[in-house]
Amino acid sequence: MTVALLTEFFFVCSVINGCLLALWVALMMFAPDLVYRTQYKWFPIARESFSEVMYRFLGLFKLLFLLFNLVPWIALKIIGV
């Protein structure tokens, strides 16, 4: 496994997870009621609790995205020079 292959892998992972994060944020900003209604069918919780849970999950996903996708890609770009 080469540095170039790992760099490409982490770049693709970063793009995919970055798009998922952007989609999730956009849905929570522009269609929160739609997201709540679809999730309420599976997990009946109060609206306030749902908003808090989604906010916490977005924060966790963002931290994991940075830690496990973006930082390794940046590090590999630096050492691959």
N, C-alpha and C. Protein backbone atom coordinates (compact mmCIF):
# COMPACT_ATOMS: atom_id res chain seq x y z
N MET A 1 0.85 -1.17 0.00
CA MET A 1 0.00 0.00 0.00
C MET A 1 0.90 1.25 0.00
N THR A 2 0.68 2.12 -0.93
CA THR A 2 1.52 3.29 -1.09
C THR A 2 0.86 4.51 -0.44
N VAL A 3 1.68 5.54 -0.25
CA VAL A 3 1.16 6.79 0.31
C VAL A 3 0.15 7.41 -0.66
N ALA A 4 0.40 7.28 -1.94
CA ALA A 4 -0.51 7.84 -2.94
C ALA A 4 -1.89 7.16 -2.87
N LEU A 5 -1.88 5.84 -2.70
CA LEU A 5 -3.15 5.11 -2.60
C LEU A 5 -3.92 5.50 -1.34
N LEU A 6 -3.22 5.60 -0.23
CA LEU A 6 -3.87 6.02 1.01
C LEU A 6 -4.40 7.45 0.91
N THR A 7 -3.64 8.31 0.27
CA THR A 7 -4.08 9.70 0.09
C THR A 7 -5.36 9.74 -0.73
N GLU A 8 -5.39 8.98 -1.79
CA GLU A 8 -6.60 8.91 -2.62
C GLU A 8 -7.78 8.34 -1.84
N PHE A 9 -7.54 7.29 -1.05
CA PHE A 9 -8.59 6.69 -0.24
C PHE A 9 -9.19 7.70 0.73
N PHE A 10 -8.35 8.41 1.47
CA PHE A 10 -8.86 9.37 2.43
C PHE A 10 -9.52 10.57 1.75
N PHE A 11 -9.07 10.91 0.56
CA PHE A 11 -9.73 11.98 -0.19
C PHE A 11 -11.15 11.58 -0.58
N VAL A 12 -11.30 10.36 -1.09
CA VAL A 12 -12.63 9.88 -1.48
C VAL A 12 -13.53 9.77 -0.26
N CYS A 13 -13.00 9.25 0.84
CA CYS A 13 -13.78 9.17 2.08
C CYS A 13 -14.20 10.56 2.55
N SER A 14 -13.31 11.53 2.45
CA SER A 14 -13.62 12.90 2.87
C SER A 14 -14.72 13.50 2.00
N VAL A 15 -14.66 13.26 0.71
CA VAL A 15 -15.68 13.80 -0.19
C VAL A 15 -17.04 13.18 0.12
N ILE A 16 -17.08 11.86 0.27
CA ILE A 16 -18.35 11.18 0.53
C ILE A 16 -18.94 11.64 1.87
N ASN A 17 -18.13 11.61 2.92
CA ASN A 17 -18.63 12.00 4.24
C ASN A 17 -18.92 13.50 4.33
N GLY A 18 -18.16 14.31 3.61
CA GLY A 18 -18.45 15.74 3.56
C GLY A 18 -19.79 16.02 2.89
N CYS A 19 -20.09 15.28 1.83
CA CYS A 19 -21.38 15.44 1.16
C CYS A 19 -22.53 14.98 2.06
N LEU A 20 -22.33 13.87 2.78
CA LEU A 20 -23.36 13.42 3.72
C LEU A 20 -23.60 14.44 4.82
N LEU A 21 -22.52 15.02 5.34
CA LEU A 21 -22.65 16.05 6.37
C LEU A 21 -23.38 17.28 5.83
N ALA A 22 -23.03 17.72 4.64
CA ALA A 22 -23.69 18.88 4.03
C ALA A 22 -25.17 18.60 3.78
N LEU A 23 -25.49 17.41 3.31
CA LEU A 23 -26.88 17.04 3.08
C LEU A 23 -27.67 17.03 4.37
N TRP A 24 -27.10 16.46 5.42
CA TRP A 24 -27.75 16.39 6.72
C TRP A 24 -28.00 17.79 7.29
N VAL A 25 -26.99 18.65 7.19
CA VAL A 25 -27.15 20.03 7.66
C VAL A 25 -28.22 20.76 6.85
N ALA A 26 -28.20 20.59 5.54
CA ALA A 26 -29.19 21.25 4.69
C ALA A 26 -30.60 20.77 5.02
N LEU A 27 -30.77 19.48 5.21
CA LEU A 27 -32.10 18.96 5.57
C LEU A 27 -32.55 19.50 6.92
N MET A 28 -31.64 19.58 7.88
CA MET A 28 -32.03 20.07 9.20
C MET A 28 -32.28 21.58 9.19
N MET A 29 -31.68 22.29 8.25
CA MET A 29 -31.91 23.74 8.16
C MET A 29 -33.18 24.08 7.39
N PHE A 30 -33.40 23.39 6.27
CA PHE A 30 -34.47 23.78 5.36
C PHE A 30 -35.73 22.91 5.44
N ALA A 31 -35.62 21.71 6.00
CA ALA A 31 -36.78 20.83 6.09
C ALA A 31 -36.81 20.06 7.41
N PRO A 32 -36.71 20.75 8.55
CA PRO A 32 -36.66 20.02 9.82
C PRO A 32 -37.96 19.27 10.12
N ASP A 33 -39.09 19.82 9.69
CA ASP A 33 -40.36 19.14 9.95
C ASP A 33 -40.45 17.83 9.16
N LEU A 34 -39.99 17.84 7.94
CA LEU A 34 -39.98 16.62 7.13
C LEU A 34 -39.11 15.54 7.78
N VAL A 35 -37.93 15.93 8.24
CA VAL A 35 -37.04 14.98 8.90
C VAL A 35 -37.69 14.45 10.17
N TYR A 36 -38.31 15.34 10.93
CA TYR A 36 -38.95 14.92 12.18
C TYR A 36 -40.10 13.95 11.90
N ARG A 37 -40.92 14.26 10.93
CA ARG A 37 -42.06 13.38 10.62
C ARG A 37 -41.61 11.99 10.17
N THR A 38 -40.57 11.93 9.35
CA THR A 38 -40.11 10.63 8.87
C THR A 38 -39.46 9.83 10.00
N GLN A 39 -38.73 10.49 10.87
CA GLN A 39 -38.09 9.79 11.98
C GLN A 39 -39.08 9.43 13.08
N TYR A 40 -40.12 10.22 13.24
CA TYR A 40 -41.12 9.98 14.29
C TYR A 40 -41.84 8.66 14.08
N LYS A 41 -41.96 8.22 12.84
CA LYS A 41 -42.61 6.94 12.55
C LYS A 41 -41.85 5.78 13.19
N TRP A 42 -40.53 5.88 13.25
CA TRP A 42 -39.71 4.82 13.83
C TRP A 42 -39.41 5.06 15.31
N PHE A 43 -39.16 6.32 15.67
CA PHE A 43 -38.76 6.66 17.03
C PHE A 43 -39.65 7.79 17.55
N PRO A 44 -40.76 7.46 18.20
CA PRO A 44 -41.68 8.50 18.68
C PRO A 44 -41.11 9.24 19.90
N ILE A 45 -40.48 10.40 19.65
CA ILE A 45 -39.98 11.23 20.74
C ILE A 45 -40.50 12.65 20.54
N ALA A 46 -40.39 13.45 21.57
CA ALA A 46 -40.87 14.84 21.51
C ALA A 46 -40.02 15.64 20.53
N ARG A 47 -40.62 16.68 19.97
CA ARG A 47 -39.95 17.51 18.98
C ARG A 47 -38.69 18.17 19.55
N GLU A 48 -38.77 18.66 20.79
CA GLU A 48 -37.62 19.32 21.42
C GLU A 48 -36.48 18.32 21.62
N SER A 49 -36.81 17.12 22.05
CA SER A 49 -35.79 16.09 22.23
C SER A 49 -35.16 15.71 20.90
N PHE A 50 -36.00 15.63 19.87
CA PHE A 50 -35.50 15.29 18.54
C PHE A 50 -34.50 16.33 18.05
N SER A 51 -34.82 17.60 18.22
CA SER A 51 -33.91 18.66 17.78
C SER A 51 -32.58 18.59 18.53
N GLU A 52 -32.64 18.31 19.81
CA GLU A 52 -31.41 18.21 20.60
C GLU A 52 -30.57 17.01 20.16
N VAL A 53 -31.23 15.88 19.94
CA VAL A 53 -30.52 14.68 19.50
C VAL A 53 -29.87 14.91 18.14
N MET A 54 -30.59 15.51 17.21
CA MET A 54 -30.03 15.78 15.88
C MET A 54 -28.84 16.74 15.96
N TYR A 55 -28.95 17.76 16.81
CA TYR A 55 -27.85 18.71 16.97
C TYR A 55 -26.62 18.00 17.53
N ARG A 56 -26.81 17.13 18.50
CA ARG A 56 -25.68 16.39 19.08
C ARG A 56 -25.07 15.43 18.05
N PHE A 57 -25.91 14.73 17.30
CA PHE A 57 -25.39 13.81 16.28
C PHE A 57 -24.65 14.55 15.18
N LEU A 58 -25.13 15.72 14.79
CA LEU A 58 -24.42 16.51 13.78
C LEU A 58 -23.04 16.91 14.29
N GLY A 59 -22.98 17.32 15.54
CA GLY A 59 -21.69 17.69 16.12
C GLY A 59 -20.74 16.50 16.20
N LEU A 60 -21.26 15.36 16.62
CA LEU A 60 -20.44 14.15 16.70
C LEU A 60 -19.96 13.72 15.31
N PHE A 61 -20.86 13.74 14.33
CA PHE A 61 -20.48 13.35 12.98
C PHE A 61 -19.41 14.29 12.42
N LYS A 62 -19.56 15.58 12.70
CA LYS A 62 -18.57 16.55 12.21
C LYS A 62 -17.20 16.28 12.84
N LEU A 63 -17.17 16.02 14.14
CA LEU A 63 -15.90 15.72 14.80
C LEU A 63 -15.27 14.44 14.25
N LEU A 64 -16.08 13.41 14.08
CA LEU A 64 -15.56 12.15 13.54
C LEU A 64 -15.08 12.31 12.10
N PHE A 65 -15.81 13.11 11.32
CA PHE A 65 -15.40 13.40 9.94
C PHE A 65 -14.04 14.08 9.92
N LEU A 66 -13.87 15.08 10.76
CA LEU A 66 -12.59 15.78 10.81
C LEU A 66 -11.47 14.87 11.29
N LEU A 67 -11.73 14.11 12.34
CA LEU A 67 -10.70 13.29 12.96
C LEU A 67 -10.28 12.10 12.09
N PHE A 68 -11.25 11.42 11.48
CA PHE A 68 -10.93 10.18 10.78
C PHE A 68 -10.86 10.29 9.26
N ASN A 69 -11.25 11.41 8.69
CA ASN A 69 -11.18 11.56 7.23
C ASN A 69 -10.29 12.72 6.81
N LEU A 70 -10.59 13.89 7.28
CA LEU A 70 -9.90 15.08 6.80
C LEU A 70 -8.47 15.20 7.33
N VAL A 71 -8.27 14.97 8.62
CA VAL A 71 -6.92 15.08 9.20
C VAL A 71 -5.97 14.05 8.60
N PRO A 72 -6.35 12.77 8.46
CA PRO A 72 -5.42 11.84 7.81
C PRO A 72 -5.10 12.22 6.37
N TRP A 73 -6.09 12.72 5.63
CA TRP A 73 -5.84 13.13 4.25
C TRP A 73 -4.84 14.29 4.21
N ILE A 74 -5.03 15.28 5.08
CA ILE A 74 -4.10 16.42 5.13
C ILE A 74 -2.70 15.96 5.52
N ALA A 75 -2.63 15.08 6.51
CA ALA A 75 -1.31 14.56 6.94
C ALA A 75 -0.62 13.81 5.81
N LEU A 76 -1.37 13.00 5.09
CA LEU A 76 -0.78 12.26 3.97
C LEU A 76 -0.37 13.19 2.84
N LYS A 77 -1.13 14.25 2.61
CA LYS A 77 -0.72 15.24 1.59
C LYS A 77 0.58 15.91 1.99
N ILE A 78 0.74 16.18 3.28
CA ILE A 78 1.96 16.84 3.75
C ILE A 78 3.17 15.92 3.61
N ILE A 79 3.06 14.66 4.03
CA ILE A 79 4.21 13.77 3.96
C ILE A 79 4.46 13.24 2.55
N GLY A 80 3.45 13.34 1.68
CA GLY A 80 3.61 12.86 0.31
C GLY A 80 4.31 13.85 -0.60
N VAL A 81 4.62 15.01 -0.09
CA VAL A 81 5.26 16.05 -0.90
C VAL A 81 6.68 15.71 -1.24
